[in-house]
N, C-alpha and C. Protein backbone atom coordinates (compact mmCIF):
# COMPACT_ATOMS: atom_id res chain seq x y z
N MET A 1 127.04 58.09 184.70
CA MET A 1 127.90 59.24 184.53
C MET A 1 128.28 60.19 185.99
N ALA A 2 129.09 60.59 186.03
CA ALA A 2 129.14 61.48 187.42
C ALA A 2 128.98 62.77 186.96
N ALA A 3 128.08 63.41 187.75
CA ALA A 3 127.92 64.69 187.61
C ALA A 3 129.06 65.60 188.13
N GLN A 4 129.57 66.81 187.42
CA GLN A 4 130.67 67.53 187.90
C GLN A 4 130.09 69.07 188.23
N GLU A 5 129.98 69.44 189.53
CA GLU A 5 129.50 70.60 189.96
C GLU A 5 130.95 71.55 190.32
N THR A 6 130.70 73.08 190.58
CA THR A 6 132.08 73.91 190.31
C THR A 6 131.76 74.87 191.11
N LEU A 7 133.10 75.43 191.96
CA LEU A 7 132.62 76.50 192.91
C LEU A 7 134.13 77.33 192.32
N ARG A 8 133.92 78.47 191.80
CA ARG A 8 134.39 79.46 191.62
C ARG A 8 135.06 80.65 192.75
N LEU A 9 136.12 80.68 193.27
CA LEU A 9 135.86 81.55 194.28
C LEU A 9 137.38 82.98 193.46
N VAL A 10 136.75 84.21 194.40
CA VAL A 10 138.03 85.16 194.13
C VAL A 10 138.18 85.16 195.37
N THR A 11 139.97 84.59 195.57
CA THR A 11 140.48 84.53 197.11
C THR A 11 141.51 84.41 197.12
N ASP A 12 142.48 84.73 198.39
CA ASP A 12 143.58 84.93 198.47
C ASP A 12 144.54 83.72 198.67
N LEU A 13 143.07 82.95 199.37
CA LEU A 13 143.68 81.37 199.87
C LEU A 13 143.95 80.10 198.89
N ASP A 14 145.24 79.45 199.48
CA ASP A 14 145.25 78.46 198.18
C ASP A 14 144.76 77.63 198.29
N GLY A 15 144.75 76.51 197.24
CA GLY A 15 144.14 75.41 197.21
C GLY A 15 143.91 74.52 198.52
N GLU A 16 144.99 74.36 198.86
CA GLU A 16 145.13 73.53 200.20
C GLU A 16 144.32 73.88 200.94
N THR A 17 144.99 75.27 201.72
CA THR A 17 143.70 75.91 202.91
C THR A 17 142.18 76.17 202.72
N ALA A 18 141.95 76.44 201.24
CA ALA A 18 140.66 76.51 200.72
C ALA A 18 139.60 75.01 200.93
N ILE A 19 140.31 74.18 200.28
CA ILE A 19 139.49 73.07 200.21
C ILE A 19 139.90 72.49 202.06
N LYS A 20 140.76 72.52 202.67
CA LYS A 20 140.18 72.37 204.14
C LYS A 20 139.26 72.75 204.69
N LEU A 21 139.07 74.27 204.43
CA LEU A 21 138.29 74.93 205.06
C LEU A 21 136.69 74.45 204.92
N TRP A 22 136.69 74.45 202.99
CA TRP A 22 135.49 74.12 202.61
C TRP A 22 135.07 72.86 203.34
N LEU A 23 136.00 71.68 203.81
CA LEU A 23 135.54 70.49 204.29
C LEU A 23 135.47 70.35 205.97
N LYS A 24 136.00 71.16 206.31
CA LYS A 24 135.75 71.50 207.57
C LYS A 24 134.74 71.22 208.34
N GLY A 25 133.38 72.10 207.83
CA GLY A 25 132.28 72.01 208.49
C GLY A 25 131.64 70.44 208.09
N LEU A 26 132.38 69.52 207.38
CA LEU A 26 131.88 68.05 207.12
C LEU A 26 132.26 67.13 208.07
N GLY A 27 133.45 68.09 208.99
CA GLY A 27 134.69 66.84 209.55
C GLY A 27 135.78 66.00 208.97
N ILE A 28 135.98 66.70 207.74
CA ILE A 28 136.93 65.67 206.87
C ILE A 28 138.47 66.33 206.95
N GLU A 29 139.10 65.99 207.49
CA GLU A 29 140.33 66.59 207.42
C GLU A 29 141.45 65.93 206.17
N SER A 30 141.16 64.92 205.98
CA SER A 30 142.53 64.79 205.31
C SER A 30 142.09 65.23 203.66
N VAL A 31 143.43 65.51 203.08
CA VAL A 31 143.72 66.16 202.14
C VAL A 31 144.90 65.66 201.25
N VAL A 32 145.19 65.43 199.87
CA VAL A 32 145.99 65.05 199.70
C VAL A 32 146.20 66.54 198.25
N LYS A 33 147.87 66.10 198.32
CA LYS A 33 148.43 67.22 196.88
C LYS A 33 149.09 66.36 196.07
N THR A 34 148.48 66.34 194.60
CA THR A 34 149.32 66.00 193.74
C THR A 34 149.81 66.60 192.88
N GLU A 35 150.69 66.67 191.73
CA GLU A 35 150.86 67.65 190.42
C GLU A 35 150.86 67.19 189.66
N VAL A 36 150.37 67.27 188.40
CA VAL A 36 149.22 67.20 186.97
C VAL A 36 150.11 68.30 186.47
N GLU A 37 151.10 67.55 185.42
CA GLU A 37 151.48 68.59 184.37
C GLU A 37 152.50 69.33 185.40
N GLU A 38 152.04 70.83 185.22
CA GLU A 38 152.92 71.76 186.09
C GLU A 38 151.44 72.63 186.94
N ARG A 39 150.81 71.85 187.08
CA ARG A 39 149.50 72.02 188.19
C ARG A 39 149.21 71.53 189.31
N VAL A 40 149.12 72.22 190.52
CA VAL A 40 149.02 71.50 191.71
C VAL A 40 147.43 71.42 192.03
N VAL A 41 147.02 70.23 192.39
CA VAL A 41 145.53 70.08 192.53
C VAL A 41 145.66 69.21 193.67
N TYR A 42 144.58 69.92 194.68
CA TYR A 42 144.44 69.41 195.96
C TYR A 42 142.86 68.65 195.96
N TRP A 43 143.00 67.21 196.50
CA TRP A 43 141.80 66.43 196.15
C TRP A 43 141.77 65.85 197.85
N ALA A 44 139.91 65.75 198.06
CA ALA A 44 139.73 64.89 199.21
C ALA A 44 138.10 63.86 198.73
N ASP A 45 137.99 63.21 199.68
CA ASP A 45 136.52 62.30 199.39
C ASP A 45 135.98 62.99 200.52
N GLY A 46 134.63 63.29 199.67
CA GLY A 46 133.81 64.01 200.54
C GLY A 46 132.37 62.75 200.82
N PRO A 47 131.04 63.32 201.67
CA PRO A 47 130.03 62.28 201.09
C PRO A 47 129.41 62.21 200.32
N GLY A 48 129.52 60.98 199.26
CA GLY A 48 128.95 60.91 197.71
C GLY A 48 129.61 61.54 196.22
N MET A 49 130.90 62.10 197.06
CA MET A 49 131.34 62.94 196.24
C MET A 49 133.25 63.08 196.26
N ILE A 50 134.13 63.44 195.21
CA ILE A 50 135.36 63.75 195.57
C ILE A 50 135.27 65.24 194.96
N LEU A 51 136.45 65.93 196.03
CA LEU A 51 136.58 66.90 195.69
C LEU A 51 138.04 67.00 195.36
N MET A 52 138.15 68.41 194.20
CA MET A 52 139.21 68.83 193.92
C MET A 52 139.47 70.39 194.16
N ALA A 53 140.59 70.99 194.10
CA ALA A 53 140.58 72.33 194.49
C ALA A 53 142.22 73.12 193.17
N ALA A 54 142.13 73.94 192.93
CA ALA A 54 143.24 74.02 192.21
C ALA A 54 143.04 75.52 191.43
N GLU A 55 144.39 76.42 191.36
CA GLU A 55 144.28 77.90 191.00
C GLU A 55 143.65 77.54 189.30
N VAL A 56 143.09 78.92 189.13
CA VAL A 56 142.47 79.04 187.98
C VAL A 56 143.54 79.72 186.90
N SER A 57 143.24 79.14 185.89
CA SER A 57 144.60 79.72 184.58
C SER A 57 144.42 81.39 184.47
N GLN A 58 145.54 81.77 183.95
CA GLN A 58 145.52 83.55 183.90
C GLN A 58 144.09 83.72 182.94
N ARG A 59 144.33 82.73 182.06
CA ARG A 59 143.34 82.98 180.82
C ARG A 59 141.95 82.90 180.88
N ALA A 60 141.45 81.66 182.13
CA ALA A 60 140.16 81.54 182.62
C ALA A 60 139.92 82.59 183.57
N ARG A 61 140.70 83.18 184.40
CA ARG A 61 140.20 84.05 184.88
C ARG A 61 140.22 85.87 184.40
N GLU A 62 140.56 85.94 183.48
CA GLU A 62 140.17 86.90 182.44
C GLU A 62 138.74 86.82 181.62
N TRP A 63 138.66 85.34 181.51
CA TRP A 63 137.38 85.51 180.96
C TRP A 63 136.06 85.41 181.80
N MET A 64 136.55 84.76 182.69
CA MET A 64 135.69 84.83 184.16
C MET A 64 135.21 86.37 184.91
N GLY A 65 136.32 87.15 184.75
CA GLY A 65 136.21 88.33 185.16
C GLY A 65 135.01 89.11 183.92
N ALA A 66 135.67 89.36 183.17
CA ALA A 66 134.79 89.43 181.92
C ALA A 66 132.90 88.97 181.74
N THR A 67 133.20 88.22 181.68
CA THR A 67 131.56 87.28 181.62
C THR A 67 130.82 87.46 182.59
N PHE A 68 131.29 87.16 184.20
CA PHE A 68 130.30 87.09 185.27
C PHE A 68 131.09 88.58 186.43
N GLY A 69 132.23 89.22 186.06
CA GLY A 69 132.43 90.22 186.95
C GLY A 69 132.94 89.39 188.25
N LEU A 70 133.36 88.37 187.52
CA LEU A 70 133.77 87.56 189.01
C LEU A 70 135.28 86.67 188.06
N PRO A 71 136.72 87.33 188.72
CA PRO A 71 138.24 87.21 188.54
C PRO A 71 138.48 86.02 188.90
N ALA A 72 137.92 84.82 188.84
CA ALA A 72 138.25 84.00 189.94
C ALA A 72 139.91 83.26 189.85
N THR A 73 140.45 82.89 191.12
CA THR A 73 141.78 82.70 190.79
C THR A 73 141.97 81.34 191.60
N LEU A 74 140.41 80.71 191.89
CA LEU A 74 140.67 79.36 192.63
C LEU A 74 139.14 78.52 191.96
N GLU A 75 139.36 77.44 191.80
CA GLU A 75 138.18 76.55 192.27
C GLU A 75 138.09 75.49 192.44
N ILE A 76 137.05 74.83 193.17
CA ILE A 76 137.06 73.58 193.60
C ILE A 76 135.93 72.94 193.08
N GLY A 77 136.67 71.84 192.44
CA GLY A 77 135.33 70.76 192.10
C GLY A 77 134.44 69.95 192.42
N PHE A 78 133.48 69.46 192.34
CA PHE A 78 132.65 68.42 193.15
C PHE A 78 132.29 67.73 192.09
N GLU A 79 132.81 66.30 192.42
CA GLU A 79 132.36 65.10 191.30
C GLU A 79 131.18 64.19 191.85
N LEU A 80 130.30 63.92 191.54
CA LEU A 80 129.30 63.32 192.51
C LEU A 80 129.28 61.69 192.15
N ASP A 81 129.09 60.62 192.93
CA ASP A 81 129.16 59.23 192.57
C ASP A 81 127.87 59.02 191.45
N ALA A 82 128.24 58.29 190.62
CA ALA A 82 127.18 58.13 189.41
C ALA A 82 125.98 57.46 189.68
N CYS A 83 126.09 56.91 190.72
CA CYS A 83 124.92 55.62 191.15
C CYS A 83 124.51 56.04 192.47
N ARG A 84 124.05 57.58 192.51
CA ARG A 84 123.99 57.64 193.73
C ARG A 84 122.85 58.65 193.88
N ASP A 85 121.81 59.01 194.73
CA ASP A 85 121.10 60.24 194.24
C ASP A 85 121.76 61.86 194.48
N ARG A 86 121.32 62.59 193.64
CA ARG A 86 122.38 63.49 193.78
C ARG A 86 121.54 64.96 194.66
N SER A 87 120.82 64.75 194.82
CA SER A 87 120.30 65.47 195.67
C SER A 87 120.73 65.95 197.09
N SER A 88 121.06 65.24 197.78
CA SER A 88 121.68 65.23 199.20
C SER A 88 123.17 65.44 198.79
N PRO A 89 123.86 65.27 197.90
CA PRO A 89 125.39 65.89 197.58
C PRO A 89 125.23 67.37 197.37
N ARG A 90 124.32 67.69 196.43
CA ARG A 90 124.10 68.86 195.77
C ARG A 90 124.15 70.07 197.20
N THR A 91 123.07 69.81 197.85
CA THR A 91 122.52 70.04 199.27
C THR A 91 123.85 70.58 200.11
N THR A 92 124.31 69.09 200.43
CA THR A 92 125.88 69.55 201.14
C THR A 92 126.69 70.43 200.32
N ILE A 93 127.14 70.54 199.27
CA ILE A 93 127.64 71.48 198.10
C ILE A 93 127.47 73.12 198.42
N ILE A 94 126.06 72.91 198.44
CA ILE A 94 125.43 74.68 198.96
C ILE A 94 125.93 74.93 200.19
N LYS A 95 125.45 74.09 201.13
CA LYS A 95 125.83 74.21 202.66
C LYS A 95 127.08 74.70 202.90
N GLY A 96 128.06 73.92 202.42
CA GLY A 96 129.35 74.27 202.21
C GLY A 96 129.60 75.48 201.53
N THR A 97 129.44 75.82 200.29
CA THR A 97 129.49 76.40 200.12
C THR A 97 129.01 78.17 200.56
N LEU A 98 128.08 78.16 201.17
CA LEU A 98 127.77 78.98 201.67
C LEU A 98 128.38 79.49 202.67
N GLU A 99 128.87 78.16 203.71
CA GLU A 99 129.76 78.55 204.72
C GLU A 99 130.67 79.35 204.46
N PHE A 100 131.27 78.62 203.42
CA PHE A 100 132.85 79.31 203.23
C PHE A 100 132.73 80.61 202.53
N LEU A 101 131.74 81.01 201.96
CA LEU A 101 131.44 82.38 201.67
C LEU A 101 131.27 83.24 202.76
N LYS A 102 130.88 82.72 203.52
CA LYS A 102 130.30 83.48 204.81
C LYS A 102 131.58 83.36 205.96
N GLN A 103 132.31 82.70 206.00
CA GLN A 103 133.71 82.68 207.07
C GLN A 103 134.62 83.32 206.08
N THR A 104 134.85 83.30 204.48
CA THR A 104 135.80 83.91 204.04
C THR A 104 135.65 85.05 203.21
N GLY A 105 134.50 85.24 203.64
CA GLY A 105 134.08 87.13 202.62
C GLY A 105 134.27 86.93 200.84
N ALA A 106 134.50 85.90 200.18
CA ALA A 106 135.22 85.73 198.99
C ALA A 106 134.06 86.12 198.52
N ASP A 107 134.24 86.71 197.00
CA ASP A 107 133.16 86.54 196.22
C ASP A 107 133.56 85.53 195.29
N GLY A 108 132.13 84.54 194.99
CA GLY A 108 132.58 83.23 194.21
C GLY A 108 131.40 82.90 193.58
N GLY A 109 130.96 81.90 192.43
CA GLY A 109 130.28 81.07 191.86
C GLY A 109 129.85 79.77 191.87
N LEU A 110 128.79 79.34 191.83
CA LEU A 110 128.92 77.84 191.86
C LEU A 110 127.61 77.44 190.85
N TRP A 111 128.29 76.58 189.94
CA TRP A 111 128.03 75.91 189.01
C TRP A 111 127.36 74.66 189.23
N PHE A 112 126.22 73.97 188.47
CA PHE A 112 125.73 72.41 188.68
C PHE A 112 125.98 71.98 187.09
N ASP A 113 125.61 71.14 187.09
CA ASP A 113 125.50 70.15 185.49
C ASP A 113 126.64 70.55 184.25
N THR A 114 127.76 70.58 185.02
CA THR A 114 129.28 70.23 183.93
C THR A 114 128.76 71.87 183.28
N ASN A 115 128.79 72.65 184.53
CA ASN A 115 128.97 74.42 183.64
C ASN A 115 127.54 74.68 183.53
N LYS A 116 126.45 74.06 183.01
CA LYS A 116 125.44 74.33 182.75
C LYS A 116 124.38 75.26 183.20
N THR A 117 124.55 75.32 184.67
CA THR A 117 123.38 76.01 185.56
C THR A 117 124.24 76.80 186.62
N LEU A 118 124.29 78.31 186.61
CA LEU A 118 124.46 78.85 187.83
C LEU A 118 123.72 78.93 188.65
N VAL A 119 124.07 78.33 189.87
CA VAL A 119 123.07 78.26 190.85
C VAL A 119 122.86 79.16 191.89
N LEU A 120 124.59 79.79 192.47
CA LEU A 120 124.38 81.50 192.84
C LEU A 120 125.42 81.73 192.61
N ILE A 121 125.28 83.04 192.99
CA ILE A 121 126.88 84.17 192.73
C ILE A 121 126.97 85.37 193.78
N LYS A 122 128.25 85.45 194.28
CA LYS A 122 128.47 86.50 195.25
C LYS A 122 129.07 87.21 194.72
N ARG A 123 129.12 88.37 194.64
CA ARG A 123 130.01 89.36 194.37
C ARG A 123 129.75 90.82 195.02
N GLY A 124 130.89 91.41 195.86
CA GLY A 124 130.99 92.11 196.74
C GLY A 124 129.98 92.71 197.70
N GLY A 125 129.85 91.22 198.07
CA GLY A 125 129.16 90.95 199.47
C GLY A 125 127.29 90.42 199.28
N GLU A 126 127.20 90.98 198.02
CA GLU A 126 125.74 90.86 197.43
C GLU A 126 125.49 89.38 197.05
N LEU A 127 124.65 88.36 197.66
CA LEU A 127 124.37 87.30 197.28
C LEU A 127 122.97 86.98 196.19
N THR A 128 123.26 86.44 195.32
CA THR A 128 122.40 86.25 194.15
C THR A 128 122.19 84.75 193.78
N LEU A 129 120.85 84.27 193.89
CA LEU A 129 120.34 83.03 193.69
C LEU A 129 119.61 82.91 192.15
N ASP A 130 119.59 81.69 191.54
CA ASP A 130 119.42 81.67 190.42
C ASP A 130 117.64 81.66 190.77
N ALA A 131 117.17 81.80 190.24
CA ALA A 131 115.24 82.10 190.15
C ALA A 131 114.67 80.72 189.71
N ASN A 132 115.56 79.74 189.37
CA ASN A 132 115.47 78.20 189.43
C ASN A 132 114.40 77.59 190.64
N ASP A 133 113.31 76.82 190.66
CA ASP A 133 113.14 76.39 191.85
C ASP A 133 113.42 75.11 191.63
N SER A 134 113.66 74.44 190.72
CA SER A 134 114.34 73.09 190.96
C SER A 134 115.39 73.05 191.70
N VAL A 135 116.59 74.05 191.81
CA VAL A 135 117.51 73.85 192.28
C VAL A 135 117.37 74.46 193.91
N TRP A 136 116.35 75.50 194.14
CA TRP A 136 116.24 76.03 195.47
C TRP A 136 115.12 75.85 196.11
N THR A 137 115.05 74.80 196.74
CA THR A 137 113.79 74.10 197.27
C THR A 137 113.73 74.76 198.39
N ALA A 138 112.59 74.77 199.41
CA ALA A 138 112.11 75.27 200.28
C ALA A 138 113.44 74.95 201.42
N ALA A 139 113.88 73.73 201.66
CA ALA A 139 114.75 72.85 202.33
C ALA A 139 116.26 73.90 201.72
N ARG A 140 116.66 74.01 201.07
CA ARG A 140 117.64 74.74 200.70
C ARG A 140 117.96 76.09 200.78
N LEU A 141 116.96 76.86 200.21
CA LEU A 141 116.52 78.27 200.95
C LEU A 141 116.71 78.63 202.56
N ASN A 142 116.16 77.70 203.35
CA ASN A 142 116.55 77.48 204.78
C ASN A 142 117.89 77.73 205.35
N LEU A 143 118.69 77.19 204.55
CA LEU A 143 120.23 76.97 204.76
C LEU A 143 120.80 78.91 204.86
N ILE A 144 120.14 79.81 203.75
CA ILE A 144 120.82 80.92 203.77
C ILE A 144 120.54 81.97 204.95
N ALA A 145 121.11 82.58 205.90
CA ALA A 145 120.94 83.52 206.75
C ALA A 145 121.39 84.89 206.55
N GLU A 146 121.69 84.64 205.04
CA GLU A 146 121.62 86.63 205.09
C GLU A 146 120.70 86.92 203.80
N PRO A 147 120.63 88.09 203.44
CA PRO A 147 119.55 88.55 202.43
C PRO A 147 120.76 88.38 201.43
N TYR A 148 119.22 88.24 200.14
CA TYR A 148 119.65 87.64 199.15
C TYR A 148 118.57 87.86 198.00
N THR A 149 118.80 87.84 196.60
CA THR A 149 118.15 88.83 195.61
C THR A 149 117.75 87.14 194.88
N ARG A 150 117.04 87.01 193.98
CA ARG A 150 116.67 85.89 192.97
C ARG A 150 116.93 86.47 191.55
N GLU A 151 117.40 85.87 190.49
CA GLU A 151 116.98 86.24 189.09
C GLU A 151 117.38 85.38 188.47
N ALA A 152 117.27 85.24 187.30
CA ALA A 152 117.52 84.42 186.23
C ALA A 152 119.17 84.60 185.79
N LEU A 153 120.10 83.59 185.86
CA LEU A 153 121.33 83.54 186.05
C LEU A 153 121.66 82.85 185.20
N LYS A 154 122.32 83.21 184.15
CA LYS A 154 123.29 82.75 183.00
C LYS A 154 124.39 82.26 183.29
N ALA A 155 124.93 80.77 182.94
CA ALA A 155 125.76 79.98 183.21
C ALA A 155 126.92 80.54 182.24
N PHE A 156 126.68 81.08 180.98
CA PHE A 156 127.49 81.08 180.09
C PHE A 156 127.70 82.62 178.85
């Protein structure tokens, strides 16, 4: 079974611009635009994963705002290959997300395990990491170049 991870963002960027910017750090520039029913989705192949970006519905935006103080406008989904080690792609997702948040100044949250684990959240320039050491290994903590706090984050 493929793992699904999700980055939800509060940004003025459209899906195509956001996914291209996220992928730029990996040297990937090929993005495909498709329409699924009335929703525009952008997707690309990444190392050990497929990435998809789309606008968040108004209903989801309101729920995210009320639940997390993060009224997300855009989400980037990462579907990890089922037959691979997931540690390396997850580290890539964390690295790409931290760089994206730094470059754009966007607020955002990153969920792993099909939305069961909130890994990090950035609101108003404040970065908070989940206190779980199984996600935040020493190598992953070394990717962070800004001040942060750690606490037990609730995924829902």
